[in-house]
Amino acid sequence: MGYTFTGSDAAALALSTHKARAKEALVHAGVSTPAWRLFRRPEEVTEESLRGLPMPLIVKPVAEDASQGIGTDAVVHNLEQMRKRVAYLVDSYRQAALAEEFIAGREFNISVWGNPPVLLPIAEISFAAFNNPHEKIVSFSAKWEENSFEYQNTPVICPARVDPVLERRIKRTALKAWEAIACRGYARVDMRVSAADIPYVIEVNCNPDISPDAGFFRAAKTAGFSYQDMVLHIIRLGLEHAYTYDRTSVAKRWRTYPPNHETLRRLHPGGSRLRGGTVDRLPSAG
């Protein structure tokens, strides 16, 4: 429709918000991600269907965001718990449940932006207040319920304290995940690190929360950006990679340039020609 927007396009957003499809894309690109199975009904949970998937597992809705459906019962240790959890998620969220190998290790996230992508400082979630390793998760309570123990005891350390070898692995994994999902503009990659220091991507967040108390700005601030600078930079990235879509065929798209560009105030001449009248004009940057 001719609108300029920031961040990833619809295809990347749709892929990243469906956890199973995102994991398939990650595996195809050679990115480590915890082993998983998808269950649409509790009756599908059997010893045979779980073969090769070691307990404990963390079970979550396949297409939710912001830790929806992740609480104290998300980590299961046996078949009975697994069936109950799948039944609860299918009934409550009206979608399939993703059962994922639980990586009992440190949790990091790393924010990425730009073209080519630039990595912001690594952040780590501290679980020092938790004794049970299976409670060391970023649950819904840890993100949103300010009076909960989880919220008050999961501080974020940015920049994270990591040795050079692990730092390189985390950064390399984040960039590969960015490419696998076809992110654009800005994103955040969440990962858990195993006892063998292997980073496993658990989620790629296209267009993550950029509010002043969110993780993306924390990383940008650590890198020396003010909040205004961060927002302006994201807007500039959007203007650099603006696209207009032919509504008659979503497969066809032409690159556009910002109206204040010195010489390229037009559609790029590459690609199929748009049908006359499909796009009347491009909106101004103002």
Protein backbone atom coordinates (compact mmCIF):
# COMPACT_ATOMS: atom_id res chain seq x y z
CA MET A 1 0.00 0.00 0.00
CA GLY A 2 3.04 2.27 -0.14
CA TYR A 3 3.65 2.62 3.60
CA THR A 4 7.18 2.73 4.93
CA PHE A 5 7.64 0.60 8.05
CA THR A 6 10.45 -0.28 10.41
CA GLY A 7 11.87 -3.70 11.19
CA SER A 8 11.14 -7.04 9.59
CA ASP A 9 8.55 -7.74 6.93
CA ALA A 10 5.41 -9.81 7.36
CA ALA A 11 7.04 -13.07 6.27
CA ALA A 12 9.79 -12.86 8.89
CA LEU A 13 7.32 -11.80 11.59
CA ALA A 14 5.03 -14.72 10.80
CA LEU A 15 7.92 -17.17 10.78
CA SER A 16 9.44 -15.96 14.03
CA THR A 17 6.14 -16.05 15.93
CA HIS A 18 5.48 -19.69 15.02
CA LYS A 19 8.08 -21.42 17.16
CA ALA A 20 8.09 -24.76 15.35
CA ARG A 21 8.47 -23.22 11.89
CA ALA A 22 11.16 -20.90 13.19
CA LYS A 23 13.06 -23.86 14.60
CA GLU A 24 12.82 -25.65 11.26
CA ALA A 25 14.36 -22.60 9.58
CA LEU A 26 17.12 -22.48 12.20
CA VAL A 27 17.98 -26.15 11.77
CA HIS A 28 18.01 -25.76 7.99
CA ALA A 29 20.53 -22.93 8.41
CA GLY A 30 22.74 -24.98 10.73
CA VAL A 31 21.81 -23.07 13.90
CA SER A 32 21.68 -25.06 17.14
CA THR A 33 18.23 -25.10 18.75
CA PRO A 34 16.82 -27.50 21.38
CA ALA A 35 15.21 -30.68 20.04
CA TRP A 36 11.41 -30.49 19.94
CA ARG A 37 8.09 -32.08 19.10
CA LEU A 38 4.73 -30.51 18.30
CA PHE A 39 1.53 -31.85 19.90
CA ARG A 40 -2.01 -30.86 18.90
CA ARG A 41 -3.80 -33.17 21.32
CA PRO A 42 -2.80 -34.75 24.64
CA GLU A 43 -3.53 -38.20 23.15
CA GLU A 44 -0.53 -37.72 20.88
CA VAL A 45 1.81 -37.72 23.88
CA THR A 46 3.17 -41.27 24.10
CA GLU A 47 6.48 -42.91 24.88
CA GLU A 48 6.90 -43.53 21.16
CA SER A 49 6.23 -39.91 20.18
CA LEU A 50 8.75 -38.72 22.77
CA ARG A 51 11.45 -41.18 21.76
CA GLY A 52 14.77 -39.38 21.43
CA LEU A 53 13.52 -36.33 23.32
CA PRO A 54 15.03 -36.47 26.82
CA MET A 55 13.19 -35.23 29.91
CA PRO A 56 12.86 -32.67 31.34
CA LEU A 57 11.03 -30.72 28.67
CA ILE A 58 9.70 -27.19 28.61
CA VAL A 59 6.24 -27.02 27.05
CA LYS A 60 4.85 -23.78 25.64
CA PRO A 61 2.21 -22.55 23.18
CA VAL A 62 3.60 -22.75 19.67
CA ALA A 63 2.51 -19.29 18.54
CA GLU A 64 2.48 -16.96 21.52
CA ASP A 65 4.86 -14.18 22.54
CA ALA A 66 6.01 -12.43 25.74
CA SER A 67 6.25 -15.71 27.73
CA GLN A 68 2.51 -16.33 27.45
CA GLY A 69 1.75 -19.81 28.78
CA ILE A 70 5.13 -20.22 30.48
CA GLY A 71 4.93 -20.65 34.24
CA THR A 72 6.04 -22.94 37.05
CA ASP A 73 4.33 -25.94 35.40
CA ALA A 74 5.98 -25.39 32.02
CA VAL A 75 8.89 -27.73 32.78
CA VAL A 76 7.72 -31.35 32.88
CA HIS A 77 9.56 -34.47 34.04
CA ASN A 78 7.38 -37.40 33.04
CA LEU A 79 4.69 -38.57 30.63
CA GLU A 80 1.76 -37.76 32.91
CA GLN A 81 2.92 -34.18 33.49
CA MET A 82 3.51 -33.83 29.78
CA ARG A 83 -0.03 -34.90 28.86
CA LYS A 84 -1.56 -32.56 31.43
CA ARG A 85 0.51 -29.65 30.19
CA VAL A 86 -0.38 -30.25 26.56
CA ALA A 87 -4.07 -30.56 27.46
CA TYR A 88 -3.93 -27.28 29.38
CA LEU A 89 -2.21 -25.35 26.58
CA VAL A 90 -4.43 -26.71 23.80
CA ASP A 91 -7.56 -25.93 25.83
CA SER A 92 -6.43 -22.50 27.07
CA TYR A 93 -4.64 -21.13 24.01
CA ARG A 94 -6.45 -22.98 21.20
CA GLN A 95 -3.22 -23.98 19.51
CA ALA A 96 -0.60 -26.72 19.45
CA ALA A 97 1.93 -27.17 22.24
CA LEU A 98 5.65 -27.16 21.56
CA ALA A 99 7.65 -29.55 23.75
CA GLU A 100 11.29 -28.55 23.76
CA GLU A 101 14.38 -30.08 25.35
CA PHE A 102 15.14 -28.09 28.49
CA ILE A 103 18.67 -26.68 28.40
CA ALA A 104 19.76 -26.30 32.02
CA GLY A 105 22.27 -23.52 31.64
CA ARG A 106 22.84 -19.79 31.38
CA GLU A 107 20.40 -17.65 29.39
CA PHE A 108 21.52 -14.82 27.14
CA ASN A 109 19.95 -12.47 24.67
CA ILE A 110 21.67 -10.34 22.09
CA SER A 111 20.15 -7.46 20.17
CA VAL A 112 20.96 -6.98 16.50
CA TRP A 113 20.24 -4.15 14.07
CA GLY A 114 21.34 -2.62 10.79
CA ASN A 115 22.33 -3.72 7.33
CA PRO A 116 24.73 -5.41 7.46
CA PRO A 117 23.63 -6.50 10.95
CA VAL A 118 25.51 -5.04 13.91
CA LEU A 119 25.57 -6.75 17.30
CA LEU A 120 24.80 -4.81 20.45
CA PRO A 121 26.28 -5.87 23.83
CA ILE A 122 25.30 -9.33 25.10
CA ALA A 123 22.87 -9.48 28.02
CA GLU A 124 22.46 -12.32 30.54
CA ILE A 125 19.47 -13.16 32.75
CA SER A 126 20.70 -13.84 36.27
CA PHE A 127 19.04 -16.78 38.04
CA ALA A 128 21.32 -16.60 41.09
CA ALA A 129 18.33 -16.48 43.47
CA PHE A 130 16.95 -19.83 42.24
CA ASN A 131 18.23 -23.12 43.65
CA ASN A 132 16.20 -25.44 41.43
CA PRO A 133 17.74 -25.43 37.92
CA HIS A 134 14.34 -26.20 36.39
CA GLU A 135 12.91 -22.98 37.81
CA LYS A 136 15.54 -20.90 36.02
CA ILE A 137 13.30 -19.70 33.21
CA VAL A 138 11.99 -16.33 32.06
CA SER A 139 8.36 -17.03 32.88
CA PHE A 140 5.34 -14.80 32.41
CA SER A 141 5.65 -13.76 36.05
CA ALA A 142 9.33 -12.89 35.59
CA LYS A 143 8.43 -10.55 32.74
CA TRP A 144 5.19 -8.93 33.84
CA GLU A 145 4.13 -9.50 37.47
CA GLU A 146 6.09 -6.86 39.37
CA ASN A 147 5.26 -8.19 42.85
CA SER A 148 6.31 -11.76 42.10
CA PHE A 149 9.50 -13.42 43.29
CA GLU A 150 10.41 -14.24 39.70
CA TYR A 151 10.12 -10.63 38.54
CA GLN A 152 12.18 -9.28 41.41
CA ASN A 153 14.90 -11.93 41.16
CA THR A 154 15.71 -12.13 37.46
CA PRO A 155 17.94 -9.10 36.92
CA VAL A 156 19.64 -8.57 33.59
CA ILE A 157 23.40 -8.12 33.36
CA CYS A 158 24.47 -6.07 30.35
CA PRO A 159 27.15 -6.36 29.22
CA ALA A 160 27.25 -10.00 30.22
CA ARG A 161 30.41 -11.43 31.72
CA VAL A 162 31.51 -14.14 29.30
CA ASP A 163 34.86 -15.49 28.24
CA PRO A 164 36.09 -14.65 24.71
CA VAL A 165 35.41 -18.13 23.29
CA LEU A 166 31.77 -18.19 24.46
CA GLU A 167 31.30 -14.59 23.37
CA ARG A 168 32.35 -15.46 19.82
CA ARG A 169 30.02 -18.46 19.77
CA ILE A 170 27.05 -16.41 20.98
CA LYS A 171 27.68 -13.67 18.43
CA ARG A 172 28.17 -16.11 15.56
CA THR A 173 24.97 -17.95 16.52
CA ALA A 174 22.99 -14.69 16.72
CA LEU A 175 24.06 -13.61 13.24
CA LYS A 176 23.22 -17.01 11.76
CA ALA A 177 19.79 -16.90 13.43
CA TRP A 178 19.19 -13.39 12.03
CA GLU A 179 19.90 -14.67 8.54
CA ALA A 180 17.85 -17.86 8.99
CA ILE A 181 14.69 -15.91 9.86
CA ALA A 182 15.47 -13.16 7.32
CA CYS A 183 15.32 -10.43 9.95
CA ARG A 184 15.56 -6.83 8.91
CA GLY A 185 15.99 -3.56 10.80
CA TYR A 186 16.21 -4.78 14.38
CA ALA A 187 15.71 -8.01 16.34
CA ARG A 188 16.71 -9.85 19.50
CA VAL A 189 17.95 -13.43 19.69
CA ASP A 190 17.37 -15.41 22.91
CA MET A 191 19.50 -18.44 23.69
CA ARG A 192 20.45 -20.90 26.41
CA VAL A 193 23.99 -22.19 26.76
CA SER A 194 24.56 -25.84 27.66
CA ALA A 195 27.15 -27.23 30.06
CA ALA A 196 29.35 -27.81 27.02
CA ASP A 197 29.15 -24.07 26.19
CA ILE A 198 26.99 -24.62 23.10
CA PRO A 199 24.52 -21.76 22.49
CA TYR A 200 21.03 -23.01 21.61
CA VAL A 201 18.61 -20.49 20.11
CA ILE A 202 15.25 -20.67 21.84
CA GLU A 203 13.63 -17.70 20.10
CA VAL A 204 14.23 -15.01 17.50
CA ASN A 205 12.24 -11.85 18.21
CA CYS A 206 11.70 -9.70 15.13
CA ASN A 207 10.73 -6.13 16.06
CA PRO A 208 11.22 -6.68 19.82
CA ASP A 209 9.90 -4.37 22.52
CA ILE A 210 11.76 -1.03 22.35
CA SER A 211 10.18 0.66 25.37
CA PRO A 212 12.62 2.44 27.72
CA ASP A 213 12.66 -0.42 30.25
CA ALA A 214 12.97 -3.23 27.68
CA GLY A 215 15.99 -5.29 26.77
CA PHE A 216 16.66 -3.82 23.35
CA PHE A 217 17.12 -0.31 24.71
CA ARG A 218 19.20 -1.68 27.58
CA ALA A 219 21.63 -3.08 25.04
CA ALA A 220 21.55 0.09 22.91
CA LYS A 221 22.14 2.23 26.00
CA THR A 222 25.10 0.05 26.97
CA ALA A 223 26.46 0.67 23.46
CA GLY A 224 26.21 4.44 24.02
CA PHE A 225 22.87 5.31 22.41
CA SER A 226 20.31 7.57 24.02
CA TYR A 227 16.68 6.51 23.70
CA GLN A 228 16.07 9.18 21.06
CA ASP A 229 19.16 8.11 19.12
CA MET A 230 18.00 4.49 19.16
CA VAL A 231 14.53 5.34 17.84
CA LEU A 232 15.92 7.62 15.14
CA HIS A 233 18.38 4.94 14.07
CA ILE A 234 15.58 2.38 13.73
CA ILE A 235 13.57 4.87 11.66
CA ARG A 236 16.54 5.53 9.38
CA LEU A 237 16.97 1.80 8.86
CA GLY A 238 13.32 1.59 7.83
CA LEU A 239 13.72 4.41 5.34
CA GLU A 240 16.80 2.80 3.84
CA HIS A 241 14.93 -0.43 3.17
CA ALA A 242 11.45 0.75 2.36
CA TYR A 243 9.42 -1.42 0.05
CA THR A 244 6.16 -0.94 -1.73
CA TYR A 245 4.04 -3.98 -2.54
CA ASP A 246 1.96 -4.73 -5.59
CA ARG A 247 -1.37 -5.71 -4.04
CA THR A 248 -2.10 -7.93 -7.03
CA SER A 249 0.83 -10.22 -6.19
CA VAL A 250 2.58 -10.29 -2.83
CA ALA A 251 5.49 -12.07 -4.48
CA LYS A 252 6.37 -8.91 -6.42
CA ARG A 253 7.96 -6.00 -4.66
CA TRP A 254 9.95 -2.99 -5.73
CA ARG A 255 12.47 -1.16 -3.65
CA THR A 256 11.67 2.48 -2.87
CA TYR A 257 13.81 5.35 -1.72
CA PRO A 258 13.01 8.07 0.82
CA PRO A 259 11.49 11.23 -0.70
CA ASN A 260 14.45 13.33 0.41
CA HIS A 261 16.95 11.17 -1.48
CA GLU A 262 18.96 13.41 -3.83
CA THR A 263 18.47 11.45 -7.05
CA LEU A 264 16.41 8.33 -6.42
CA ARG A 265 12.91 9.63 -5.68
CA ARG A 266 11.35 6.83 -7.64
CA LEU A 267 10.75 3.12 -7.74
CA HIS A 268 13.82 1.04 -8.42
CA PRO A 269 13.74 -0.07 -12.10
CA GLY A 270 14.37 -3.71 -11.23
CA GLY A 271 11.60 -6.32 -10.96
CA SER A 272 8.19 -6.71 -12.58
CA ARG A 273 6.26 -3.62 -13.57
CA LEU A 274 3.41 -2.63 -11.28
CA ARG A 275 -0.07 -2.61 -12.74
CA GLY A 276 -1.17 0.91 -13.55
CA GLY A 277 -3.06 2.56 -10.72
CA THR A 278 -1.94 0.03 -8.09
CA VAL A 279 0.22 2.60 -6.30
CA ASP A 280 -0.90 6.19 -6.66
CA ARG A 281 2.01 7.70 -4.80
CA LEU A 282 4.47 7.03 -2.02
CA PRO A 283 3.81 8.72 1.34
CA SER A 284 6.19 11.44 2.40
CA ALA A 285 8.59 10.93 5.29
CA GLY A 286 6.88 13.72 7.22
